[in-house]
Amino acid sequence: NKKEGLKFTDDDLRLLSIIAAQSGQVVENARLYEQEKALARMQEELVVAAKIQSQLLPTDLPAIPGYDLFASMLPAASIGGDSYDAIASSEKSLSLCVADVSGKGMPAALLMANLQATMRATLEARELPSQVLDQANRLLHKSTSDDKFATVFLAKLDLTANNLTYANAGHDPAFLIGADGSASELAATGIPLGLFADMNYEQTTVALKPSDSVVIFTDGVTESMDLTQAQFGRKRILETITEHRGNSAREIGIALLNAVSSFSKGTPQSDDRTLLVLKRLT
């Protein structure tokens, strides 16, 4: 009833219905506005994250006598946490790194920036890949929360002995492909960085013969899916790089990226696809 005790008329009820509908629309518009603002903030963060990620990558890869080098990172729309690096430590050595941090978007970009700065600083002070990972792990664990971690494949190429010494912190095993088509895995030598404060990473040394190729990649390559949700997988990676082993490092890398793209055609790219190819020429 009305305040005066009278009954609501049909006109009163129609007016109340109009007011209620308009009020509901105002509330809905406010909700949509907040959603649009949140989406705009997310898009801005992705733009900044993508810029951070691209700036972490080397502008040019070093030219190494007797070796061919290629690297590529194809970012996902959501921005993953992949990165690669190649640093000529001296005229006699080259350090190679491929890493993948947990998470996506801005948190992943910032974590990768932190990790790369740590790795580069540690490389200047320590010779062995295992020592670099030991120190990087301690610093990452100290400066991040318990749910943050990174997989890292770090290798040092001795240009005099033509040996590759590597340490693998929970990263996808790389492939070493011989000129005759033989293949071996450069498997993990420890768990991902950042999970525990004190870890002692092991390292392994392999000899690189003429025409040998080392292919390092992230799980964005292996886990790319087709329309049936099947993954590209390590078997297809091995088949592709073995088939193209007689080509240049760039041609091997492009062939693998094209194979993954063709396999996953019609499906959204959910993670960064990163790879690095090192080939001994003579």
C-alpha atoms as a PDB file:
ATOM      1  CA  ASN A   1       0.000   0.000   0.000  1.00  0.00           C
ATOM      2  CA  LYS A   2       0.951   3.604  -0.443  1.00  0.00           C
ATOM      3  CA  LYS A   3       2.215   5.722   2.421  1.00  0.00           C
ATOM      4  CA  GLU A   4      -1.244   7.301   2.678  1.00  0.00           C
ATOM      5  CA  GLY A   5      -2.852   3.871   2.979  1.00  0.00           C
ATOM      6  CA  LEU A   6      -4.302   3.884  -0.529  1.00  0.00           C
ATOM      7  CA  LYS A   7      -3.962   0.998  -2.924  1.00  0.00           C
ATOM      8  CA  PHE A   8      -1.536   1.115  -5.845  1.00  0.00           C
ATOM      9  CA  THR A   9      -3.306   1.787  -9.122  1.00  0.00           C
ATOM     10  CA  ASP A  10      -2.438   0.134 -12.426  1.00  0.00           C
ATOM     11  CA  ASP A  11      -0.619   3.331 -13.441  1.00  0.00           C
ATOM     12  CA  ASP A  12       1.384   3.207 -10.222  1.00  0.00           C
ATOM     13  CA  LEU A  13       2.383  -0.377 -10.874  1.00  0.00           C
ATOM     14  CA  ARG A  14       3.395   0.398 -14.460  1.00  0.00           C
ATOM     15  CA  LEU A  15       5.543   3.300 -13.222  1.00  0.00           C
ATOM     16  CA  LEU A  16       7.197   1.123 -10.587  1.00  0.00           C
ATOM     17  CA  SER A  17       7.878  -1.533 -13.206  1.00  0.00           C
ATOM     18  CA  ILE A  18       9.535   1.057 -15.459  1.00  0.00           C
ATOM     19  CA  ILE A  19      11.632   2.399 -12.574  1.00  0.00           C
ATOM     20  CA  ALA A  20      12.686  -1.126 -11.586  1.00  0.00           C
ATOM     21  CA  ALA A  21      13.652  -1.970 -15.163  1.00  0.00           C
ATOM     22  CA  GLN A  22      15.666   1.235 -15.514  1.00  0.00           C
ATOM     23  CA  SER A  23      17.373   0.642 -12.182  1.00  0.00           C
ATOM     24  CA  GLY A  24      18.262  -2.885 -13.250  1.00  0.00           C
ATOM     25  CA  GLN A  25      19.716  -1.553 -16.496  1.00  0.00           C
ATOM     26  CA  VAL A  26      21.820   0.980 -14.577  1.00  0.00           C
ATOM     27  CA  VAL A  27      23.201  -1.802 -12.389  1.00  0.00           C
ATOM     28  CA  GLU A  28      23.901  -3.978 -15.437  1.00  0.00           C
ATOM     29  CA  ASN A  29      25.612  -1.096 -17.251  1.00  0.00           C
ATOM     30  CA  ALA A  30      27.777  -0.478 -14.199  1.00  0.00           C
ATOM     31  CA  ARG A  31      28.738  -4.162 -14.084  1.00  0.00           C
ATOM     32  CA  LEU A  32      29.604  -4.179 -17.795  1.00  0.00           C
ATOM     33  CA  TYR A  33      31.620  -0.993 -17.353  1.00  0.00           C
ATOM     34  CA  GLU A  34      33.673  -2.573 -14.595  1.00  0.00           C
ATOM     35  CA  GLN A  35      34.217  -5.651 -16.763  1.00  0.00           C
ATOM     36  CA  GLU A  36      35.369  -3.466 -19.649  1.00  0.00           C
ATOM     37  CA  LYS A  37      37.791  -1.615 -17.358  1.00  0.00           C
ATOM     38  CA  ALA A  38      39.162  -4.931 -16.051  1.00  0.00           C
ATOM     39  CA  LEU A  39      39.558  -6.247 -19.603  1.00  0.00           C
ATOM     40  CA  ALA A  40      41.299  -3.038 -20.681  1.00  0.00           C
ATOM     41  CA  ARG A  41      43.720  -3.366 -17.741  1.00  0.00           C
ATOM     42  CA  MET A  42      44.435  -6.983 -18.695  1.00  0.00           C
ATOM     43  CA  GLN A  43      45.073  -5.996 -22.309  1.00  0.00           C
ATOM     44  CA  GLU A  44      47.403  -3.208 -21.206  1.00  0.00           C
ATOM     45  CA  GLU A  45      49.279  -5.649 -18.985  1.00  0.00           C
ATOM     46  CA  LEU A  46      49.631  -8.098 -21.886  1.00  0.00           C
ATOM     47  CA  VAL A  47      51.054  -5.343 -24.094  1.00  0.00           C
ATOM     48  CA  VAL A  48      53.596  -4.418 -21.401  1.00  0.00           C
ATOM     49  CA  ALA A  49      54.386  -8.099 -20.750  1.00  0.00           C
ATOM     50  CA  ALA A  50      54.949  -8.717 -24.453  1.00  0.00           C
ATOM     51  CA  LYS A  51      57.303  -5.714 -24.594  1.00  0.00           C
ATOM     52  CA  ILE A  52      59.260  -6.955 -21.584  1.00  0.00           C
ATOM     53  CA  GLN A  53      59.504 -10.428 -23.089  1.00  0.00           C
ATOM     54  CA  SER A  54      60.726  -9.171 -26.477  1.00  0.00           C
ATOM     55  CA  GLN A  55      63.336  -6.913 -24.853  1.00  0.00           C
ATOM     56  CA  LEU A  56      64.818  -9.872 -22.998  1.00  0.00           C
ATOM     57  CA  LEU A  57      65.707 -11.639 -26.239  1.00  0.00           C
ATOM     58  CA  PRO A  58      69.103 -10.922 -27.830  1.00  0.00           C
ATOM     59  CA  THR A  59      68.893  -8.482 -30.738  1.00  0.00           C
ATOM     60  CA  ASP A  60      71.461 -10.469 -32.719  1.00  0.00           C
ATOM     61  CA  LEU A  61      72.906 -13.913 -32.188  1.00  0.00           C
ATOM     62  CA  PRO A  62      76.708 -14.055 -31.982  1.00  0.00           C
ATOM     63  CA  ALA A  63      78.598 -15.253 -35.051  1.00  0.00           C
ATOM     64  CA  ILE A  64      80.606 -18.315 -34.059  1.00  0.00           C
ATOM     65  CA  PRO A  65      83.392 -19.594 -36.366  1.00  0.00           C
ATOM     66  CA  GLY A  66      82.710 -23.173 -37.382  1.00  0.00           C
ATOM     67  CA  TYR A  67      79.153 -23.137 -36.043  1.00  0.00           C
ATOM     68  CA  ASP A  68      75.691 -22.170 -37.224  1.00  0.00           C
ATOM     69  CA  LEU A  69      73.160 -20.791 -34.735  1.00  0.00           C
ATOM     70  CA  PHE A  70      69.425 -20.107 -34.953  1.00  0.00           C
ATOM     71  CA  ALA A  71      66.831 -19.198 -32.313  1.00  0.00           C
ATOM     72  CA  SER A  72      63.182 -18.228 -32.372  1.00  0.00           C
ATOM     73  CA  MET A  73      60.412 -17.453 -29.903  1.00  0.00           C
ATOM     74  CA  LEU A  74      56.803 -17.335 -31.096  1.00  0.00           C
ATOM     75  CA  PRO A  75      54.765 -15.857 -28.224  1.00  0.00           C
ATOM     76  CA  ALA A  76      51.274 -17.011 -27.347  1.00  0.00           C
ATOM     77  CA  ALA A  77      48.448 -14.463 -27.127  1.00  0.00           C
ATOM     78  CA  SER A  78      48.398 -14.802 -23.337  1.00  0.00           C
ATOM     79  CA  ILE A  79      52.194 -14.310 -23.090  1.00  0.00           C
ATOM     80  CA  GLY A  80      54.000 -17.248 -21.570  1.00  0.00           C
ATOM     81  CA  GLY A  81      57.332 -17.204 -19.813  1.00  0.00           C
ATOM     82  CA  ASP A  82      59.796 -18.389 -22.466  1.00  0.00           C
ATOM     83  CA  SER A  83      63.175 -16.915 -23.248  1.00  0.00           C
ATOM     84  CA  TYR A  84      66.446 -17.778 -24.936  1.00  0.00           C
ATOM     85  CA  ASP A  85      69.922 -16.295 -24.739  1.00  0.00           C
ATOM     86  CA  ALA A  86      73.299 -16.699 -26.405  1.00  0.00           C
ATOM     87  CA  ILE A  87      76.363 -15.074 -24.858  1.00  0.00           C
ATOM     88  CA  ALA A  88      79.886 -15.229 -26.223  1.00  0.00           C
ATOM     89  CA  SER A  89      81.784 -15.519 -22.944  1.00  0.00           C
ATOM     90  CA  SER A  90      85.117 -15.248 -24.755  1.00  0.00           C
ATOM     91  CA  GLU A  91      86.662 -16.094 -28.118  1.00  0.00           C
ATOM     92  CA  LYS A  92      86.850 -19.689 -26.954  1.00  0.00           C
ATOM     93  CA  SER A  93      83.392 -20.258 -25.469  1.00  0.00           C
ATOM     94  CA  LEU A  94      79.693 -19.604 -25.984  1.00  0.00           C
ATOM     95  CA  SER A  95      76.912 -19.908 -23.399  1.00  0.00           C
ATOM     96  CA  LEU A  96      73.432 -20.941 -24.561  1.00  0.00           C
ATOM     97  CA  CYS A  97      70.270 -20.829 -22.494  1.00  0.00           C
ATOM     98  CA  VAL A  98      66.601 -21.684 -23.062  1.00  0.00           C
ATOM     99  CA  ALA A  99      64.219 -21.139 -20.156  1.00  0.00           C
ATOM    100  CA  ASP A 100      60.530 -21.359 -19.324  1.00  0.00           C
ATOM    101  CA  VAL A 101      59.109 -19.828 -16.140  1.00  0.00           C
ATOM    102  CA  SER A 102      55.812 -20.700 -14.482  1.00  0.00           C
ATOM    103  CA  GLY A 103      52.713 -18.601 -15.093  1.00  0.00           C
ATOM    104  CA  LYS A 104      51.601 -16.302 -17.893  1.00  0.00           C
ATOM    105  CA  GLY A 105      51.158 -12.605 -18.583  1.00  0.00           C
ATOM    106  CA  MET A 106      52.805  -9.910 -16.506  1.00  0.00           C
ATOM    107  CA  PRO A 107      53.829 -12.194 -13.584  1.00  0.00           C
ATOM    108  CA  ALA A 108      55.641 -14.523 -15.988  1.00  0.00           C
ATOM    109  CA  ALA A 109      57.336 -11.639 -17.812  1.00  0.00           C
ATOM    110  CA  LEU A 110      58.600 -10.130 -14.557  1.00  0.00           C
ATOM    111  CA  LEU A 111      59.778 -13.504 -13.282  1.00  0.00           C
ATOM    112  CA  MET A 112      61.653 -14.123 -16.534  1.00  0.00           C
ATOM    113  CA  ALA A 113      63.271 -10.678 -16.333  1.00  0.00           C
ATOM    114  CA  ASN A 114      64.406 -11.518 -12.815  1.00  0.00           C
ATOM    115  CA  LEU A 115      65.738 -14.914 -13.881  1.00  0.00           C
ATOM    116  CA  GLN A 116      67.592 -13.624 -16.921  1.00  0.00           C
ATOM    117  CA  ALA A 117      69.296 -10.856 -14.954  1.00  0.00           C
ATOM    118  CA  THR A 118      70.322 -13.444 -12.379  1.00  0.00           C
ATOM    119  CA  MET A 119      71.626 -15.852 -15.011  1.00  0.00           C
ATOM    120  CA  ARG A 120      73.655 -13.234 -16.853  1.00  0.00           C
ATOM    121  CA  ALA A 121      75.199 -11.900 -13.656  1.00  0.00           C
ATOM    122  CA  THR A 122      76.030 -15.412 -12.482  1.00  0.00           C
ATOM    123  CA  LEU A 123      77.562 -16.378 -15.826  1.00  0.00           C
ATOM    124  CA  GLU A 124      80.103 -13.593 -15.417  1.00  0.00           C
ATOM    125  CA  ALA A 125      81.268 -14.992 -12.077  1.00  0.00           C
ATOM    126  CA  ARG A 126      81.101 -18.741 -12.646  1.00  0.00           C
ATOM    127  CA  GLU A 127      82.544 -20.973 -15.336  1.00  0.00           C
ATOM    128  CA  LEU A 128      80.491 -24.156 -15.133  1.00  0.00           C
ATOM    129  CA  PRO A 129      76.802 -24.484 -16.074  1.00  0.00           C
ATOM    130  CA  SER A 130      76.147 -26.520 -12.925  1.00  0.00           C
ATOM    131  CA  GLN A 131      77.567 -23.734 -10.733  1.00  0.00           C
ATOM    132  CA  VAL A 132      75.487 -21.126 -12.551  1.00  0.00           C
ATOM    133  CA  LEU A 133      72.292 -23.108 -11.940  1.00  0.00           C
ATOM    134  CA  ASP A 134      73.217 -23.690  -8.289  1.00  0.00           C
ATOM    135  CA  GLN A 135      73.520 -19.956  -7.674  1.00  0.00           C
ATOM    136  CA  ALA A 136      70.558 -18.972  -9.854  1.00  0.00           C
ATOM    137  CA  ASN A 137      68.399 -21.460  -7.970  1.00  0.00           C
ATOM    138  CA  ARG A 138      69.335 -20.009  -4.586  1.00  0.00           C
ATOM    139  CA  LEU A 139      68.659 -16.448  -5.714  1.00  0.00           C
ATOM    140  CA  LEU A 140      65.357 -17.326  -7.420  1.00  0.00           C
ATOM    141  CA  HIS A 141      64.121 -19.253  -4.393  1.00  0.00           C
ATOM    142  CA  LYS A 142      65.056 -16.371  -2.106  1.00  0.00           C
ATOM    143  CA  SER A 143      63.383 -13.655  -4.195  1.00  0.00           C
ATOM    144  CA  THR A 144      60.122 -15.379  -5.237  1.00  0.00           C
ATOM    145  CA  SER A 145      57.176 -17.188  -3.678  1.00  0.00           C
ATOM    146  CA  ASP A 146      57.097 -20.958  -3.312  1.00  0.00           C
ATOM    147  CA  ASP A 147      54.804 -21.437  -6.327  1.00  0.00           C
ATOM    148  CA  LYS A 148      57.242 -19.774  -8.746  1.00  0.00           C
ATOM    149  CA  PHE A 149      59.775 -21.864 -10.621  1.00  0.00           C
ATOM    150  CA  ALA A 150      61.634 -22.095 -13.915  1.00  0.00           C
ATOM    151  CA  THR A 151      62.950 -24.851 -16.150  1.00  0.00           C
ATOM    152  CA  VAL A 152      66.327 -24.020 -17.686  1.00  0.00           C
ATOM    153  CA  PHE A 153      68.616 -25.684 -20.198  1.00  0.00           C
ATOM    154  CA  LEU A 154      72.049 -24.075 -19.905  1.00  0.00           C
ATOM    155  CA  ALA A 155      75.033 -25.103 -22.010  1.00  0.00           C
ATOM    156  CA  LYS A 156      78.581 -23.916 -22.545  1.00  0.00           C
ATOM    157  CA  LEU A 157      80.248 -24.574 -25.871  1.00  0.00           C
ATOM    158  CA  ASP A 158      84.024 -25.009 -25.843  1.00  0.00           C
ATOM    159  CA  LEU A 159      85.092 -23.800 -29.283  1.00  0.00           C
ATOM    160  CA  THR A 160      88.584 -25.259 -28.914  1.00  0.00           C
ATOM    161  CA  ALA A 161      87.632 -28.796 -27.931  1.00  0.00           C
ATOM    162  CA  ASN A 162      84.234 -28.734 -29.697  1.00  0.00           C
ATOM    163  CA  ASN A 163      82.555 -29.988 -26.544  1.00  0.00           C
ATOM    164  CA  LEU A 164      79.187 -28.946 -25.152  1.00  0.00           C
ATOM    165  CA  THR A 165      78.828 -29.007 -21.364  1.00  0.00           C
ATOM    166  CA  TYR A 166      75.238 -28.673 -20.201  1.00  0.00           C
ATOM    167  CA  ALA A 167      73.105 -28.658 -17.059  1.00  0.00           C
ATOM    168  CA  ASN A 168      69.366 -29.148 -17.331  1.00  0.00           C
ATOM    169  CA  ALA A 169      67.064 -27.897 -14.559  1.00  0.00           C
ATOM    170  CA  GLY A 170      63.853 -29.807 -15.233  1.00  0.00           C
ATOM    171  CA  HIS A 171      63.671 -28.661 -18.860  1.00  0.00           C
ATOM    172  CA  ASP A 172      62.514 -30.732 -21.827  1.00  0.00           C
ATOM    173  CA  PRO A 173      65.508 -32.859 -22.885  1.00  0.00           C
ATOM    174  CA  ALA A 174      67.214 -31.417 -25.964  1.00  0.00           C
ATOM    175  CA  PHE A 175      68.140 -33.567 -28.962  1.00  0.00           C
ATOM    176  CA  LEU A 176      71.637 -34.166 -30.333  1.00  0.00           C
ATOM    177  CA  ILE A 177      71.385 -35.297 -33.957  1.00  0.00           C
ATOM    178  CA  GLY A 178      74.374 -36.781 -35.778  1.00  0.00           C
ATOM    179  CA  ALA A 179      75.127 -36.488 -39.470  1.00  0.00           C
ATOM    180  CA  ASP A 180      74.200 -40.161 -39.858  1.00  0.00           C
ATOM    181  CA  GLY A 181      70.784 -39.642 -38.276  1.00  0.00           C
ATOM    182  CA  SER A 182      71.723 -40.995 -34.865  1.00  0.00           C
ATOM    183  CA  ALA A 183      69.986 -39.237 -31.982  1.00  0.00           C
ATOM    184  CA  SER A 184      70.504 -38.856 -28.252  1.00  0.00           C
ATOM    185  CA  GLU A 185      68.721 -36.921 -25.531  1.00  0.00           C
ATOM    186  CA  LEU A 186      70.365 -34.290 -23.354  1.00  0.00           C
ATOM    187  CA  ALA A 187      68.207 -35.099 -20.344  1.00  0.00           C
ATOM    188  CA  ALA A 188      67.473 -33.259 -17.118  1.00  0.00           C
ATOM    189  CA  THR A 189      70.257 -33.206 -14.528  1.00  0.00           C
ATOM    190  CA  GLY A 190      68.120 -31.695 -11.763  1.00  0.00           C
ATOM    191  CA  ILE A 191      64.718 -30.281 -10.856  1.00  0.00           C
ATOM    192  CA  PRO A 192      63.377 -26.836 -11.903  1.00  0.00           C
ATOM    193  CA  LEU A 193      64.914 -23.747 -10.330  1.00  0.00           C
ATOM    194  CA  GLY A 194      63.252 -22.102  -7.358  1.00  0.00           C
ATOM    195  CA  LEU A 195      61.600 -25.105  -5.731  1.00  0.00           C
ATOM    196  CA  PHE A 196      64.190 -25.699  -3.009  1.00  0.00           C
ATOM    197  CA  ALA A 197      66.813 -23.386  -1.585  1.00  0.00           C
ATOM    198  CA  ASP A 198      69.834 -25.672  -1.855  1.00  0.00           C
ATOM    199  CA  MET A 199      70.347 -27.840  -4.914  1.00  0.00           C
ATOM    200  CA  ASN A 200      73.480 -29.240  -6.486  1.00  0.00           C
ATOM    201  CA  TYR A 201      72.968 -29.535 -10.221  1.00  0.00           C
ATOM    202  CA  GLU A 202      74.979 -32.018 -12.227  1.00  0.00           C
ATOM    203  CA  GLN A 203      76.379 -31.390 -15.661  1.00  0.00           C
ATOM    204  CA  THR A 204      77.305 -33.548 -18.624  1.00  0.00           C
ATOM    205  CA  THR A 205      79.728 -33.015 -21.508  1.00  0.00           C
ATOM    206  CA  VAL A 206      79.150 -34.278 -25.043  1.00  0.00           C
ATOM    207  CA  ALA A 207      81.421 -34.061 -28.062  1.00  0.00           C
ATOM    208  CA  LEU A 208      80.125 -32.294 -31.166  1.00  0.00           C
ATOM    209  CA  LYS A 209      81.253 -33.812 -34.440  1.00  0.00           C
ATOM    210  CA  PRO A 210      81.061 -32.070 -37.821  1.00  0.00           C
ATOM    211  CA  SER A 211      77.415 -31.686 -38.964  1.00  0.00           C
ATOM    212  CA  ASP A 212      76.073 -32.540 -35.482  1.00  0.00           C
ATOM    213  CA  SER A 213      73.053 -30.475 -34.426  1.00  0.00           C
ATOM    214  CA  VAL A 214      71.700 -29.665 -30.978  1.00  0.00           C
ATOM    215  CA  VAL A 215      68.033 -28.657 -30.829  1.00  0.00           C
ATOM    216  CA  ILE A 216      66.717 -27.127 -27.593  1.00  0.00           C
ATOM    217  CA  PHE A 217      63.011 -26.298 -27.220  1.00  0.00           C
ATOM    218  CA  THR A 218      60.273 -25.535 -24.687  1.00  0.00           C
ATOM    219  CA  ASP A 219      57.080 -27.409 -23.883  1.00  0.00           C
ATOM    220  CA  GLY A 220      55.138 -24.986 -26.075  1.00  0.00           C
ATOM    221  CA  VAL A 221      56.547 -26.997 -28.982  1.00  0.00           C
ATOM    222  CA  THR A 222      55.987 -30.496 -27.612  1.00  0.00           C
ATOM    223  CA  GLU A 223      52.543 -29.739 -26.167  1.00  0.00           C
ATOM    224  CA  SER A 224      51.038 -27.959 -29.184  1.00  0.00           C
ATOM    225  CA  MET A 225      47.716 -29.660 -29.942  1.00  0.00           C
ATOM    226  CA  ASP A 226      45.722 -30.457 -33.047  1.00  0.00           C
ATOM    227  CA  LEU A 227      41.931 -30.416 -33.378  1.00  0.00           C
ATOM    228  CA  THR A 228      41.668 -33.834 -31.707  1.00  0.00           C
ATOM    229  CA  GLN A 229      43.663 -32.599 -28.650  1.00  0.00           C
ATOM    230  CA  ALA A 230      46.631 -34.795 -29.610  1.00  0.00           C
ATOM    231  CA  GLN A 231      50.020 -33.262 -28.787  1.00  0.00           C
ATOM    232  CA  PHE A 232      52.796 -32.710 -31.327  1.00  0.00           C
ATOM    233  CA  GLY A 233      55.124 -34.603 -29.030  1.00  0.00           C
ATOM    234  CA  ARG A 234      58.801 -35.476 -28.968  1.00  0.00           C
ATOM    235  CA  LYS A 235      58.504 -38.189 -31.610  1.00  0.00           C
ATOM    236  CA  ARG A 236      57.383 -35.697 -34.267  1.00  0.00           C
ATOM    237  CA  ILE A 237      60.097 -33.265 -33.192  1.00  0.00           C
ATOM    238  CA  LEU A 238      62.738 -35.954 -33.624  1.00  0.00           C
ATOM    239  CA  GLU A 239      61.348 -37.052 -36.996  1.00  0.00           C
ATOM    240  CA  THR A 240      61.319 -33.465 -38.292  1.00  0.00           C
ATOM    241  CA  ILE A 241      64.812 -32.460 -37.216  1.00  0.00           C
ATOM    242  CA  THR A 242      66.272 -35.807 -38.324  1.00  0.00           C
ATOM    243  CA  GLU A 243      64.738 -35.362 -41.767  1.00  0.00           C
ATOM    244  CA  HIS A 244      66.257 -31.881 -42.090  1.00  0.00           C
ATOM    245  CA  ARG A 245      69.583 -32.610 -40.349  1.00  0.00           C
ATOM    246  CA  GLY A 246      71.569 -31.875 -43.537  1.00  0.00           C
ATOM    247  CA  ASN A 247      70.260 -28.306 -43.683  1.00  0.00           C
ATOM    248  CA  SER A 248      71.425 -25.152 -41.923  1.00  0.00           C
ATOM    249  CA  ALA A 249      70.491 -24.390 -38.311  1.00  0.00           C
ATOM    250  CA  ARG A 250      67.934 -21.860 -39.517  1.00  0.00           C
ATOM    251  CA  GLU A 251      66.381 -24.307 -41.972  1.00  0.00           C
ATOM    252  CA  ILE A 252      66.134 -26.983 -39.277  1.00  0.00           C
ATOM    253  CA  GLY A 253      64.456 -24.529 -36.904  1.00  0.00           C
ATOM    254  CA  ILE A 254      62.034 -23.178 -39.513  1.00  0.00           C
ATOM    255  CA  ALA A 255      61.121 -26.706 -40.618  1.00  0.00           C
ATOM    256  CA  LEU A 256      60.250 -27.608 -37.013  1.00  0.00           C
ATOM    257  CA  LEU A 257      58.210 -24.442 -36.457  1.00  0.00           C
ATOM    258  CA  ASN A 258      56.336 -25.014 -39.722  1.00  0.00           C
ATOM    259  CA  ALA A 259      55.613 -28.618 -38.788  1.00  0.00           C
ATOM    260  CA  VAL A 260      54.175 -27.541 -35.434  1.00  0.00           C
ATOM    261  CA  SER A 261      52.124 -24.771 -37.055  1.00  0.00           C
ATOM    262  CA  SER A 262      50.705 -27.158 -39.650  1.00  0.00           C
ATOM    263  CA  PHE A 263      49.928 -29.782 -37.010  1.00  0.00           C
ATOM    264  CA  SER A 264      48.089 -27.321 -34.744  1.00  0.00           C
ATOM    265  CA  LYS A 265      46.247 -25.448 -37.507  1.00  0.00           C
ATOM    266  CA  GLY A 266      42.788 -24.390 -36.398  1.00  0.00           C
ATOM    267  CA  THR A 267      43.588 -24.448 -32.678  1.00  0.00           C
ATOM    268  CA  PRO A 268      44.628 -21.480 -30.500  1.00  0.00           C
ATOM    269  CA  GLN A 269      48.281 -21.274 -29.474  1.00  0.00           C
ATOM    270  CA  SER A 270      48.159 -21.621 -25.693  1.00  0.00           C
ATOM    271  CA  ASP A 271      51.883 -21.337 -24.914  1.00  0.00           C
ATOM    272  CA  ASP A 272      55.055 -19.767 -26.280  1.00  0.00           C
ATOM    273  CA  ARG A 273      56.976 -21.833 -28.828  1.00  0.00           C
ATOM    274  CA  THR A 274      60.699 -21.383 -28.372  1.00  0.00           C
ATOM    275  CA  LEU A 275      63.650 -23.218 -29.860  1.00  0.00           C
ATOM    276  CA  LEU A 276      67.363 -22.862 -30.357  1.00  0.00           C
ATOM    277  CA  VAL A 277      69.426 -24.800 -32.898  1.00  0.00           C
ATOM    278  CA  LEU A 278      73.211 -25.125 -32.775  1.00  0.00           C
ATOM    279  CA  LYS A 279      75.005 -26.893 -35.643  1.00  0.00           C
ATOM    280  CA  ARG A 280      78.688 -27.633 -36.015  1.00  0.00           C
ATOM    281  CA  LEU A 281      79.846 -26.950 -39.548  1.00  0.00           C
ATOM    282  CA  THR A 282      83.424 -28.238 -39.607  1.00  0.00           C
END
